[in-house]
Amino acid sequence: CWGDNSYGQLGVGDADQRGGSSDGMGDALPFVDLGGGGMGVLSVSSGHQHSCALLESGGVKCWGQNDLGQLGLGDVVGRGQTGQTMGDALPFVDFGGDRRVLWLDAGHSHSCVVLDDHSVKCWGYNRFGQLGVGDIFNRGDEAGEVSGTGTAVKLGGNRTAVSVFTGHFHSCAVLDDASVKCWGD
């Protein structure tokens, strides 16, 4: 990862920006340490000042700014500015049960996933209803808010999600009948 790193959103254990000079790129650009276990990364999505990775295990790890719960870890502690907060020390987002993630996208200060039961869960900043949970309270800044059963987006009509995409203050899901539903501002 490269660019602004004010909140550790590059995940390299410091707050130094990268990419502004060629001598910091290529082999000099550090890898993001997401921990052991031989889990490869399927995708990465970056918001304004946080990033999340979907691992081959179906788990998700997020790092960077966390003042609004955008890491989904049940607190407001940022991660990524020191090496001690990355690697195996970086927790997985808990979606409840043994749920695996199929799709991940990060918005400005929120993120959403499609789980293996094809439900959608979102966490982080929610001032404009971009989490789709029927209120405007942030999720992910207190324990149990992401793993709870009441946090799934109600898509209606017995529809399930195939993918989800996030914008600045809104989110959209592509449904199993090839239709699209969006919420937020």
C-alpha atoms as a PDB file:
ATOM      1  CA  CYS A   1       0.000   0.000   0.000  1.00  0.00           C
ATOM      2  CA  TRP A   2       1.141   3.567  -0.635  1.00  0.00           C
ATOM      3  CA  GLY A   3      -0.080   7.146  -0.186  1.00  0.00           C
ATOM      4  CA  ASP A   4      -1.168   8.983   2.971  1.00  0.00           C
ATOM      5  CA  ASN A   5      -0.478   7.019   6.132  1.00  0.00           C
ATOM      6  CA  SER A   6      -1.453   9.488   8.879  1.00  0.00           C
ATOM      7  CA  TYR A   7      -3.460   6.850  10.756  1.00  0.00           C
ATOM      8  CA  GLY A   8      -1.528   3.706   9.836  1.00  0.00           C
ATOM      9  CA  GLN A   9      -3.902   2.902   6.970  1.00  0.00           C
ATOM     10  CA  LEU A  10      -1.002   1.495   4.923  1.00  0.00           C
ATOM     11  CA  GLY A  11      -0.558  -1.187   7.599  1.00  0.00           C
ATOM     12  CA  VAL A  12       3.241  -1.105   7.664  1.00  0.00           C
ATOM     13  CA  GLY A  13       3.781  -0.247  11.331  1.00  0.00           C
ATOM     14  CA  ASP A  14       4.423   3.493  11.071  1.00  0.00           C
ATOM     15  CA  ALA A  15       2.731   6.725   9.969  1.00  0.00           C
ATOM     16  CA  ASP A  16       5.088   7.622   7.087  1.00  0.00           C
ATOM     17  CA  GLN A  17       3.536   8.336   3.700  1.00  0.00           C
ATOM     18  CA  ARG A  18       4.827   6.295   0.783  1.00  0.00           C
ATOM     19  CA  GLY A  19       4.835   6.747  -2.969  1.00  0.00           C
ATOM     20  CA  GLY A  20       5.947  10.384  -3.144  1.00  0.00           C
ATOM     21  CA  SER A  21       9.416   9.402  -4.300  1.00  0.00           C
ATOM     22  CA  SER A  22      10.587   6.533  -6.468  1.00  0.00           C
ATOM     23  CA  ASP A  23      13.180   5.369  -3.920  1.00  0.00           C
ATOM     24  CA  GLY A  24      10.372   4.335  -1.549  1.00  0.00           C
ATOM     25  CA  MET A  25       8.626   2.118  -4.086  1.00  0.00           C
ATOM     26  CA  GLY A  26       9.457  -1.271  -5.602  1.00  0.00           C
ATOM     27  CA  ASP A  27      11.568  -3.479  -3.331  1.00  0.00           C
ATOM     28  CA  ALA A  28      11.719  -0.653  -0.744  1.00  0.00           C
ATOM     29  CA  LEU A  29       7.926  -0.718  -0.284  1.00  0.00           C
ATOM     30  CA  PRO A  30       7.151  -2.888   2.770  1.00  0.00           C
ATOM     31  CA  PHE A  31       4.580  -5.665   2.800  1.00  0.00           C
ATOM     32  CA  VAL A  32       1.514  -5.447   5.049  1.00  0.00           C
ATOM     33  CA  ASP A  33       1.871  -7.998   7.871  1.00  0.00           C
ATOM     34  CA  LEU A  34      -1.488  -9.703   8.403  1.00  0.00           C
ATOM     35  CA  GLY A  35      -0.130 -12.542  10.506  1.00  0.00           C
ATOM     36  CA  GLY A  36       0.936 -16.122  10.108  1.00  0.00           C
ATOM     37  CA  GLY A  37      -0.926 -19.217   9.147  1.00  0.00           C
ATOM     38  CA  GLY A  38      -0.138 -19.054   5.444  1.00  0.00           C
ATOM     39  CA  MET A  39      -3.373 -17.217   4.636  1.00  0.00           C
ATOM     40  CA  GLY A  40      -3.209 -15.381   1.351  1.00  0.00           C
ATOM     41  CA  VAL A  41      -5.130 -12.204   0.618  1.00  0.00           C
ATOM     42  CA  LEU A  42      -8.051 -12.368  -1.837  1.00  0.00           C
ATOM     43  CA  SER A  43      -8.802  -8.634  -1.924  1.00  0.00           C
ATOM     44  CA  VAL A  44      -8.062  -5.321  -0.231  1.00  0.00           C
ATOM     45  CA  SER A  45     -10.354  -2.321  -0.028  1.00  0.00           C
ATOM     46  CA  SER A  46      -9.384   1.088   1.322  1.00  0.00           C
ATOM     47  CA  GLY A  47     -11.588   3.821   2.706  1.00  0.00           C
ATOM     48  CA  HIS A  48     -10.624   7.377   3.591  1.00  0.00           C
ATOM     49  CA  GLN A  49      -8.197   6.457   6.374  1.00  0.00           C
ATOM     50  CA  HIS A  50      -8.696   2.737   6.911  1.00  0.00           C
ATOM     51  CA  SER A  51      -8.084  -0.430   4.909  1.00  0.00           C
ATOM     52  CA  CYS A  52      -9.469  -3.967   5.094  1.00  0.00           C
ATOM     53  CA  ALA A  53      -8.288  -7.279   3.646  1.00  0.00           C
ATOM     54  CA  LEU A  54     -10.353 -10.361   2.806  1.00  0.00           C
ATOM     55  CA  LEU A  55      -8.217 -13.433   3.469  1.00  0.00           C
ATOM     56  CA  GLU A  56      -8.424 -16.880   1.874  1.00  0.00           C
ATOM     57  CA  SER A  57      -9.852 -18.176   5.162  1.00  0.00           C
ATOM     58  CA  GLY A  58     -12.918 -15.970   4.642  1.00  0.00           C
ATOM     59  CA  GLY A  59     -11.829 -13.739   7.515  1.00  0.00           C
ATOM     60  CA  VAL A  60     -11.408  -9.959   7.403  1.00  0.00           C
ATOM     61  CA  LYS A  61      -8.753  -7.798   9.058  1.00  0.00           C
ATOM     62  CA  CYS A  62      -8.943  -3.981   9.091  1.00  0.00           C
ATOM     63  CA  TRP A  63      -6.398  -1.337  10.122  1.00  0.00           C
ATOM     64  CA  GLY A  64      -5.971   2.440  10.190  1.00  0.00           C
ATOM     65  CA  GLN A  65      -8.166   5.110  11.770  1.00  0.00           C
ATOM     66  CA  ASN A  66     -10.879   3.779  14.058  1.00  0.00           C
ATOM     67  CA  ASP A  67     -12.539   6.773  15.744  1.00  0.00           C
ATOM     68  CA  LEU A  68     -15.954   5.739  14.368  1.00  0.00           C
ATOM     69  CA  GLY A  69     -15.631   1.962  14.652  1.00  0.00           C
ATOM     70  CA  GLN A  70     -14.562   1.619  11.019  1.00  0.00           C
ATOM     71  CA  LEU A  71     -12.268  -1.313  11.875  1.00  0.00           C
ATOM     72  CA  GLY A  72     -15.229  -3.279  13.294  1.00  0.00           C
ATOM     73  CA  LEU A  73     -13.272  -4.472  16.322  1.00  0.00           C
ATOM     74  CA  GLY A  74     -15.542  -3.291  19.135  1.00  0.00           C
ATOM     75  CA  ASP A  75     -13.410  -0.316  20.158  1.00  0.00           C
ATOM     76  CA  VAL A  76     -12.076   3.006  18.855  1.00  0.00           C
ATOM     77  CA  VAL A  77      -8.374   2.101  18.948  1.00  0.00           C
ATOM     78  CA  GLY A  78      -6.526   2.681  15.681  1.00  0.00           C
ATOM     79  CA  ARG A  79      -4.182   0.017  14.382  1.00  0.00           C
ATOM     80  CA  GLY A  80      -1.306   0.023  11.920  1.00  0.00           C
ATOM     81  CA  GLN A  81       0.848   2.884  13.209  1.00  0.00           C
ATOM     82  CA  THR A  82       3.086   0.469  15.109  1.00  0.00           C
ATOM     83  CA  GLY A  83       4.253  -3.018  14.246  1.00  0.00           C
ATOM     84  CA  GLN A  84       2.835  -4.275  17.549  1.00  0.00           C
ATOM     85  CA  THR A  85      -0.714  -3.679  16.257  1.00  0.00           C
ATOM     86  CA  MET A  86      -0.291  -5.649  13.022  1.00  0.00           C
ATOM     87  CA  GLY A  87       0.419  -9.286  12.197  1.00  0.00           C
ATOM     88  CA  ASP A  88      -1.024 -11.834  14.592  1.00  0.00           C
ATOM     89  CA  ALA A  89      -1.851  -8.984  17.030  1.00  0.00           C
ATOM     90  CA  LEU A  90      -4.384  -7.585  14.540  1.00  0.00           C
ATOM     91  CA  PRO A  91      -7.736  -9.242  15.322  1.00  0.00           C
ATOM     92  CA  PHE A  92     -10.203 -10.548  12.777  1.00  0.00           C
ATOM     93  CA  VAL A  93     -13.557  -8.783  12.522  1.00  0.00           C
ATOM     94  CA  ASP A  94     -16.099 -11.009  14.318  1.00  0.00           C
ATOM     95  CA  PHE A  95     -19.232 -11.540  12.209  1.00  0.00           C
ATOM     96  CA  GLY A  96     -20.815 -14.031  14.620  1.00  0.00           C
ATOM     97  CA  GLY A  97     -20.782 -17.810  14.470  1.00  0.00           C
ATOM     98  CA  ASP A  98     -18.494 -19.327  11.893  1.00  0.00           C
ATOM     99  CA  ARG A  99     -19.470 -16.910   9.115  1.00  0.00           C
ATOM    100  CA  ARG A 100     -17.084 -16.554   6.177  1.00  0.00           C
ATOM    101  CA  VAL A 101     -16.897 -13.433   4.032  1.00  0.00           C
ATOM    102  CA  LEU A 102     -17.452 -13.697   0.279  1.00  0.00           C
ATOM    103  CA  TRP A 103     -17.188  -9.991  -0.654  1.00  0.00           C
ATOM    104  CA  LEU A 104     -15.692  -6.905   0.996  1.00  0.00           C
ATOM    105  CA  ASP A 105     -15.802  -3.186   0.209  1.00  0.00           C
ATOM    106  CA  ALA A 106     -14.667  -0.149   2.213  1.00  0.00           C
ATOM    107  CA  GLY A 107     -16.358   3.238   1.986  1.00  0.00           C
ATOM    108  CA  HIS A 108     -15.230   6.593   3.351  1.00  0.00           C
ATOM    109  CA  SER A 109     -15.497   5.622   7.036  1.00  0.00           C
ATOM    110  CA  HIS A 110     -17.537   2.425   6.864  1.00  0.00           C
ATOM    111  CA  SER A 111     -17.197  -1.045   5.372  1.00  0.00           C
ATOM    112  CA  CYS A 112     -19.609  -3.755   4.239  1.00  0.00           C
ATOM    113  CA  VAL A 113     -19.342  -7.472   3.523  1.00  0.00           C
ATOM    114  CA  VAL A 114     -21.425 -10.216   1.959  1.00  0.00           C
ATOM    115  CA  LEU A 115     -21.298 -13.272   4.219  1.00  0.00           C
ATOM    116  CA  ASP A 116     -21.510 -16.936   3.199  1.00  0.00           C
ATOM    117  CA  ASP A 117     -25.255 -16.921   3.934  1.00  0.00           C
ATOM    118  CA  HIS A 118     -25.475 -14.023   1.418  1.00  0.00           C
ATOM    119  CA  SER A 119     -26.488 -11.512   4.069  1.00  0.00           C
ATOM    120  CA  VAL A 120     -24.894  -8.049   4.201  1.00  0.00           C
ATOM    121  CA  LYS A 121     -23.266  -6.573   7.303  1.00  0.00           C
ATOM    122  CA  CYS A 122     -21.822  -3.074   7.529  1.00  0.00           C
ATOM    123  CA  TRP A 123     -19.949  -1.241  10.283  1.00  0.00           C
ATOM    124  CA  GLY A 124     -18.350   2.124  11.027  1.00  0.00           C
ATOM    125  CA  TYR A 125     -19.756   5.626  10.542  1.00  0.00           C
ATOM    126  CA  ASN A 126     -23.543   5.720  10.098  1.00  0.00           C
ATOM    127  CA  ARG A 127     -24.672   9.375  10.244  1.00  0.00           C
ATOM    128  CA  PHE A 128     -26.446   9.021   6.882  1.00  0.00           C
ATOM    129  CA  GLY A 129     -27.795   5.470   7.302  1.00  0.00           C
ATOM    130  CA  GLN A 130     -25.043   3.987   5.124  1.00  0.00           C
ATOM    131  CA  LEU A 131     -24.912   0.873   7.324  1.00  0.00           C
ATOM    132  CA  GLY A 132     -28.498   0.001   6.382  1.00  0.00           C
ATOM    133  CA  VAL A 133     -29.596  -1.017   9.879  1.00  0.00           C
ATOM    134  CA  GLY A 134     -32.543   1.353  10.317  1.00  0.00           C
ATOM    135  CA  ASP A 135     -30.883   4.001  12.487  1.00  0.00           C
ATOM    136  CA  ILE A 136     -27.975   6.447  12.390  1.00  0.00           C
ATOM    137  CA  PHE A 137     -25.813   5.030  15.194  1.00  0.00           C
ATOM    138  CA  ASN A 138     -22.256   3.928  14.441  1.00  0.00           C
ATOM    139  CA  ARG A 139     -21.483   0.211  14.682  1.00  0.00           C
ATOM    140  CA  GLY A 140     -18.181  -1.493  15.427  1.00  0.00           C
ATOM    141  CA  ASP A 141     -17.056   0.906  18.139  1.00  0.00           C
ATOM    142  CA  GLU A 142     -18.504  -1.258  20.937  1.00  0.00           C
ATOM    143  CA  ALA A 143     -18.152  -4.996  21.548  1.00  0.00           C
ATOM    144  CA  GLY A 144     -20.672  -7.278  19.840  1.00  0.00           C
ATOM    145  CA  GLU A 145     -22.075  -4.695  17.435  1.00  0.00           C
ATOM    146  CA  VAL A 146     -20.851  -6.384  14.251  1.00  0.00           C
ATOM    147  CA  SER A 147     -21.390  -9.976  15.380  1.00  0.00           C
ATOM    148  CA  GLY A 148     -24.943  -9.365  16.605  1.00  0.00           C
ATOM    149  CA  THR A 149     -27.868 -10.886  14.724  1.00  0.00           C
ATOM    150  CA  GLY A 150     -29.684  -7.556  14.364  1.00  0.00           C
ATOM    151  CA  THR A 151     -26.907  -5.956  12.341  1.00  0.00           C
ATOM    152  CA  ALA A 152     -27.641  -7.548   8.957  1.00  0.00           C
ATOM    153  CA  VAL A 153     -29.084  -5.276   6.263  1.00  0.00           C
ATOM    154  CA  LYS A 154     -32.736  -6.121   5.520  1.00  0.00           C
ATOM    155  CA  LEU A 155     -32.866  -6.472   1.743  1.00  0.00           C
ATOM    156  CA  GLY A 156     -36.575  -7.444   1.543  1.00  0.00           C
ATOM    157  CA  GLY A 157     -38.469  -9.860  -0.691  1.00  0.00           C
ATOM    158  CA  ASN A 158     -36.452 -12.869   0.488  1.00  0.00           C
ATOM    159  CA  ARG A 159     -33.583 -11.482  -1.574  1.00  0.00           C
ATOM    160  CA  THR A 160     -29.932 -12.155  -0.806  1.00  0.00           C
ATOM    161  CA  ALA A 161     -26.794 -10.291  -1.843  1.00  0.00           C
ATOM    162  CA  VAL A 162     -24.192 -11.287  -4.395  1.00  0.00           C
ATOM    163  CA  SER A 163     -21.917  -8.266  -3.896  1.00  0.00           C
ATOM    164  CA  VAL A 164     -21.841  -4.949  -2.064  1.00  0.00           C
ATOM    165  CA  PHE A 165     -20.259  -1.611  -2.942  1.00  0.00           C
ATOM    166  CA  THR A 166     -19.708   1.412  -0.732  1.00  0.00           C
ATOM    167  CA  GLY A 167     -19.414   5.098  -1.512  1.00  0.00           C
ATOM    168  CA  HIS A 168     -18.718   8.159   0.587  1.00  0.00           C
ATOM    169  CA  PHE A 169     -21.930   8.017   2.665  1.00  0.00           C
ATOM    170  CA  HIS A 170     -23.931   5.297   0.893  1.00  0.00           C
ATOM    171  CA  SER A 171     -23.875   1.577   0.087  1.00  0.00           C
ATOM    172  CA  CYS A 172     -25.393  -0.594  -2.659  1.00  0.00           C
ATOM    173  CA  ALA A 173     -25.918  -4.347  -2.987  1.00  0.00           C
ATOM    174  CA  VAL A 174     -26.334  -6.416  -6.129  1.00  0.00           C
ATOM    175  CA  LEU A 175     -29.012  -8.998  -5.313  1.00  0.00           C
ATOM    176  CA  ASP A 176     -29.490 -12.604  -6.384  1.00  0.00           C
ATOM    177  CA  ASP A 177     -32.095 -11.565  -8.995  1.00  0.00           C
ATOM    178  CA  ALA A 178     -29.620  -9.099 -10.623  1.00  0.00           C
ATOM    179  CA  SER A 179     -31.399  -6.077  -9.129  1.00  0.00           C
ATOM    180  CA  VAL A 180     -29.677  -3.369  -7.075  1.00  0.00           C
ATOM    181  CA  LYS A 181     -30.691  -1.731  -3.782  1.00  0.00           C
ATOM    182  CA  CYS A 182     -28.915   1.280  -2.259  1.00  0.00           C
ATOM    183  CA  TRP A 183     -29.151   3.107   1.076  1.00  0.00           C
ATOM    184  CA  GLY A 184     -27.550   6.100   2.793  1.00  0.00           C
ATOM    185  CA  ASP A 185     -26.970   9.553   1.308  1.00  0.00           C
END
